[in-house]
Amino acid sequence: MWQYMKADPLLDVVAEDSRYALDAYYFVTECLEKAYFTQMRLLNAEPVHSSCADVLQTLRVYALDRFGVTARSTLNSWGVSTCEDFGEIIFNLIECGLLRAAPEDSKDEFQGGYDFHAAFPESPP
């Protein structure tokens, strides 16, 4: 007998908020998942709450490692051009239950995190 399997929950998120490409959601979840498991392995314990600045730095480093000098253009092609966009994606993931937040966490924390032009240079340093 065939069993119904629920579709990728990220498809539902993109259907609700189409400002960002599905790849943007995959990138953020993959990056935060890697950071989560790395933290657990290093601390040999449950991870501690990450600050917005830590999350933004993790996303920046991961994008540069993965995409190099094309990081900004890749993120821009997905609709991500500011730290506020990362915040919107993260809070969409929180709303659908794929991430958790502390009660004091807010989208406002992502405002003015860093300048994308400086954080993602389009030529080698």
C-alpha atoms as a PDB file:
ATOM      1  CA  MET A   1       0.000   0.000   0.000  1.00  0.00           C
ATOM      2  CA  TRP A   2       1.266   3.477  -0.855  1.00  0.00           C
ATOM      3  CA  GLN A   3       1.714   5.920   1.963  1.00  0.00           C
ATOM      4  CA  TYR A   4       1.239   9.652   1.548  1.00  0.00           C
ATOM      5  CA  MET A   5       4.385  11.594   2.367  1.00  0.00           C
ATOM      6  CA  LYS A   6       4.192  15.259   3.175  1.00  0.00           C
ATOM      7  CA  ALA A   7       5.983  17.493   0.706  1.00  0.00           C
ATOM      8  CA  ASP A   8       9.039  19.488   1.679  1.00  0.00           C
ATOM      9  CA  PRO A   9       7.858  21.979   4.335  1.00  0.00           C
ATOM     10  CA  LEU A  10      10.051  24.642   2.750  1.00  0.00           C
ATOM     11  CA  LEU A  11       7.781  24.596  -0.296  1.00  0.00           C
ATOM     12  CA  ASP A  12       4.966  25.713   1.987  1.00  0.00           C
ATOM     13  CA  VAL A  13       7.140  28.502   3.383  1.00  0.00           C
ATOM     14  CA  VAL A  14       7.968  29.784  -0.111  1.00  0.00           C
ATOM     15  CA  ALA A  15       4.301  29.575  -1.079  1.00  0.00           C
ATOM     16  CA  GLU A  16       3.473  31.786   1.923  1.00  0.00           C
ATOM     17  CA  ASP A  17       6.317  34.279   1.309  1.00  0.00           C
ATOM     18  CA  SER A  18       7.683  34.239  -2.220  1.00  0.00           C
ATOM     19  CA  ARG A  19      10.122  37.129  -1.710  1.00  0.00           C
ATOM     20  CA  TYR A  20      12.932  34.605  -1.309  1.00  0.00           C
ATOM     21  CA  ALA A  21      13.867  31.677  -3.529  1.00  0.00           C
ATOM     22  CA  LEU A  22      13.656  28.147  -2.220  1.00  0.00           C
ATOM     23  CA  ASP A  23      17.456  27.989  -2.451  1.00  0.00           C
ATOM     24  CA  ALA A  24      17.706  30.832   0.084  1.00  0.00           C
ATOM     25  CA  TYR A  25      15.757  28.756   2.593  1.00  0.00           C
ATOM     26  CA  TYR A  26      17.862  25.671   1.857  1.00  0.00           C
ATOM     27  CA  PHE A  27      21.035  27.714   2.307  1.00  0.00           C
ATOM     28  CA  VAL A  28      19.964  29.180   5.668  1.00  0.00           C
ATOM     29  CA  THR A  29      18.741  25.856   7.058  1.00  0.00           C
ATOM     30  CA  GLU A  30      21.861  24.009   5.872  1.00  0.00           C
ATOM     31  CA  CYS A  31      24.155  26.662   7.330  1.00  0.00           C
ATOM     32  CA  LEU A  32      22.420  26.785  10.700  1.00  0.00           C
ATOM     33  CA  GLU A  33      22.195  22.998  10.853  1.00  0.00           C
ATOM     34  CA  LYS A  34      25.959  22.690  10.295  1.00  0.00           C
ATOM     35  CA  ALA A  35      26.638  25.350  12.943  1.00  0.00           C
ATOM     36  CA  TYR A  36      24.272  23.599  15.390  1.00  0.00           C
ATOM     37  CA  PHE A  37      25.942  20.193  14.991  1.00  0.00           C
ATOM     38  CA  THR A  38      29.439  21.685  15.100  1.00  0.00           C
ATOM     39  CA  GLN A  39      28.572  23.475  18.340  1.00  0.00           C
ATOM     40  CA  MET A  40      27.132  20.298  19.851  1.00  0.00           C
ATOM     41  CA  ARG A  41      30.233  18.323  18.898  1.00  0.00           C
ATOM     42  CA  LEU A  42      32.655  20.944  20.241  1.00  0.00           C
ATOM     43  CA  LEU A  43      30.789  21.458  23.502  1.00  0.00           C
ATOM     44  CA  ASN A  44      29.683  17.842  23.801  1.00  0.00           C
ATOM     45  CA  ALA A  45      26.374  19.204  25.026  1.00  0.00           C
ATOM     46  CA  GLU A  46      23.234  20.957  23.935  1.00  0.00           C
ATOM     47  CA  PRO A  47      23.972  24.147  22.025  1.00  0.00           C
ATOM     48  CA  VAL A  48      23.526  27.482  23.713  1.00  0.00           C
ATOM     49  CA  HIS A  49      21.315  30.212  22.278  1.00  0.00           C
ATOM     50  CA  SER A  50      23.054  32.059  19.453  1.00  0.00           C
ATOM     51  CA  SER A  51      22.881  35.820  19.219  1.00  0.00           C
ATOM     52  CA  CYS A  52      21.732  37.531  16.051  1.00  0.00           C
ATOM     53  CA  ALA A  53      25.304  38.756  15.465  1.00  0.00           C
ATOM     54  CA  ASP A  54      26.575  35.157  15.725  1.00  0.00           C
ATOM     55  CA  VAL A  55      23.937  33.909  13.290  1.00  0.00           C
ATOM     56  CA  LEU A  56      24.734  36.662  10.787  1.00  0.00           C
ATOM     57  CA  GLN A  57      28.454  35.971  11.056  1.00  0.00           C
ATOM     58  CA  THR A  58      27.841  32.244  10.547  1.00  0.00           C
ATOM     59  CA  LEU A  59      25.755  32.948   7.439  1.00  0.00           C
ATOM     60  CA  ARG A  60      28.410  35.328   6.080  1.00  0.00           C
ATOM     61  CA  VAL A  61      31.315  32.918   6.584  1.00  0.00           C
ATOM     62  CA  TYR A  62      29.343  29.989   5.171  1.00  0.00           C
ATOM     63  CA  ALA A  63      28.326  31.983   2.077  1.00  0.00           C
ATOM     64  CA  LEU A  64      31.908  33.079   1.452  1.00  0.00           C
ATOM     65  CA  ASP A  65      33.237  29.554   1.953  1.00  0.00           C
ATOM     66  CA  ARG A  66      30.624  28.055  -0.321  1.00  0.00           C
ATOM     67  CA  PHE A  67      30.342  30.691  -3.060  1.00  0.00           C
ATOM     68  CA  GLY A  68      33.529  32.773  -2.811  1.00  0.00           C
ATOM     69  CA  VAL A  69      33.422  36.019  -4.771  1.00  0.00           C
ATOM     70  CA  THR A  70      29.990  35.101  -6.159  1.00  0.00           C
ATOM     71  CA  ALA A  71      28.397  35.017  -2.680  1.00  0.00           C
ATOM     72  CA  ARG A  72      26.701  38.423  -2.951  1.00  0.00           C
ATOM     73  CA  SER A  73      25.384  37.833  -6.470  1.00  0.00           C
ATOM     74  CA  THR A  74      24.171  34.343  -5.505  1.00  0.00           C
ATOM     75  CA  LEU A  75      22.354  35.645  -2.424  1.00  0.00           C
ATOM     76  CA  ASN A  76      20.943  38.583  -4.414  1.00  0.00           C
ATOM     77  CA  SER A  77      19.604  36.186  -7.066  1.00  0.00           C
ATOM     78  CA  TRP A  78      17.632  34.496  -4.282  1.00  0.00           C
ATOM     79  CA  GLY A  79      16.180  37.822  -3.083  1.00  0.00           C
ATOM     80  CA  VAL A  80      18.629  38.234  -0.189  1.00  0.00           C
ATOM     81  CA  SER A  81      20.419  41.578  -0.222  1.00  0.00           C
ATOM     82  CA  THR A  82      20.410  42.674   3.423  1.00  0.00           C
ATOM     83  CA  CYS A  83      20.710  41.214   6.894  1.00  0.00           C
ATOM     84  CA  GLU A  84      17.027  42.019   7.303  1.00  0.00           C
ATOM     85  CA  ASP A  85      16.327  39.487   4.531  1.00  0.00           C
ATOM     86  CA  PHE A  86      18.147  36.811   6.538  1.00  0.00           C
ATOM     87  CA  GLY A  87      15.973  37.784   9.507  1.00  0.00           C
ATOM     88  CA  GLU A  88      12.789  37.441   7.454  1.00  0.00           C
ATOM     89  CA  ILE A  89      13.862  33.983   6.255  1.00  0.00           C
ATOM     90  CA  ILE A  90      14.775  32.866   9.768  1.00  0.00           C
ATOM     91  CA  PHE A  91      11.501  34.091  11.238  1.00  0.00           C
ATOM     92  CA  ASN A  92       9.548  32.400   8.426  1.00  0.00           C
ATOM     93  CA  LEU A  93      11.347  29.188   9.414  1.00  0.00           C
ATOM     94  CA  ILE A  94      10.436  29.831  13.056  1.00  0.00           C
ATOM     95  CA  GLU A  95       6.773  30.408  12.131  1.00  0.00           C
ATOM     96  CA  CYS A  96       6.548  27.075  10.335  1.00  0.00           C
ATOM     97  CA  GLY A  97       8.264  25.244  13.206  1.00  0.00           C
ATOM     98  CA  LEU A  98      11.581  24.412  11.523  1.00  0.00           C
ATOM     99  CA  LEU A  99      13.561  26.665  13.897  1.00  0.00           C
ATOM    100  CA  ARG A 100      13.036  27.778  17.472  1.00  0.00           C
ATOM    101  CA  ALA A 101      13.528  31.207  18.967  1.00  0.00           C
ATOM    102  CA  ALA A 102      13.869  32.555  22.461  1.00  0.00           C
ATOM    103  CA  PRO A 103      11.020  34.811  23.606  1.00  0.00           C
ATOM    104  CA  GLU A 104      13.274  37.851  23.388  1.00  0.00           C
ATOM    105  CA  ASP A 105      14.328  37.168  19.771  1.00  0.00           C
ATOM    106  CA  SER A 106      13.030  39.618  17.190  1.00  0.00           C
ATOM    107  CA  LYS A 107      13.359  40.405  13.497  1.00  0.00           C
ATOM    108  CA  ASP A 108      14.496  43.885  14.527  1.00  0.00           C
ATOM    109  CA  GLU A 109      17.811  42.414  15.694  1.00  0.00           C
ATOM    110  CA  PHE A 110      18.757  41.802  12.054  1.00  0.00           C
ATOM    111  CA  GLN A 111      18.490  45.474  11.080  1.00  0.00           C
ATOM    112  CA  GLY A 112      21.826  46.960  10.135  1.00  0.00           C
ATOM    113  CA  GLY A 113      23.793  43.780  10.846  1.00  0.00           C
ATOM    114  CA  TYR A 114      26.435  44.398   8.169  1.00  0.00           C
ATOM    115  CA  ASP A 115      26.748  45.989   4.779  1.00  0.00           C
ATOM    116  CA  PHE A 116      26.443  43.331   2.063  1.00  0.00           C
ATOM    117  CA  HIS A 117      28.929  45.101  -0.231  1.00  0.00           C
ATOM    118  CA  ALA A 118      31.602  45.040   2.450  1.00  0.00           C
ATOM    119  CA  ALA A 119      30.702  41.594   3.837  1.00  0.00           C
ATOM    120  CA  PHE A 120      30.605  39.901   0.419  1.00  0.00           C
ATOM    121  CA  PRO A 121      33.306  41.428  -1.799  1.00  0.00           C
ATOM    122  CA  GLU A 122      33.049  40.527  -5.472  1.00  0.00           C
ATOM    123  CA  SER A 123      36.796  40.286  -5.952  1.00  0.00           C
ATOM    124  CA  PRO A 124      39.427  38.454  -3.939  1.00  0.00           C
ATOM    125  CA  PRO A 125      40.866  40.464  -1.004  1.00  0.00           C
END
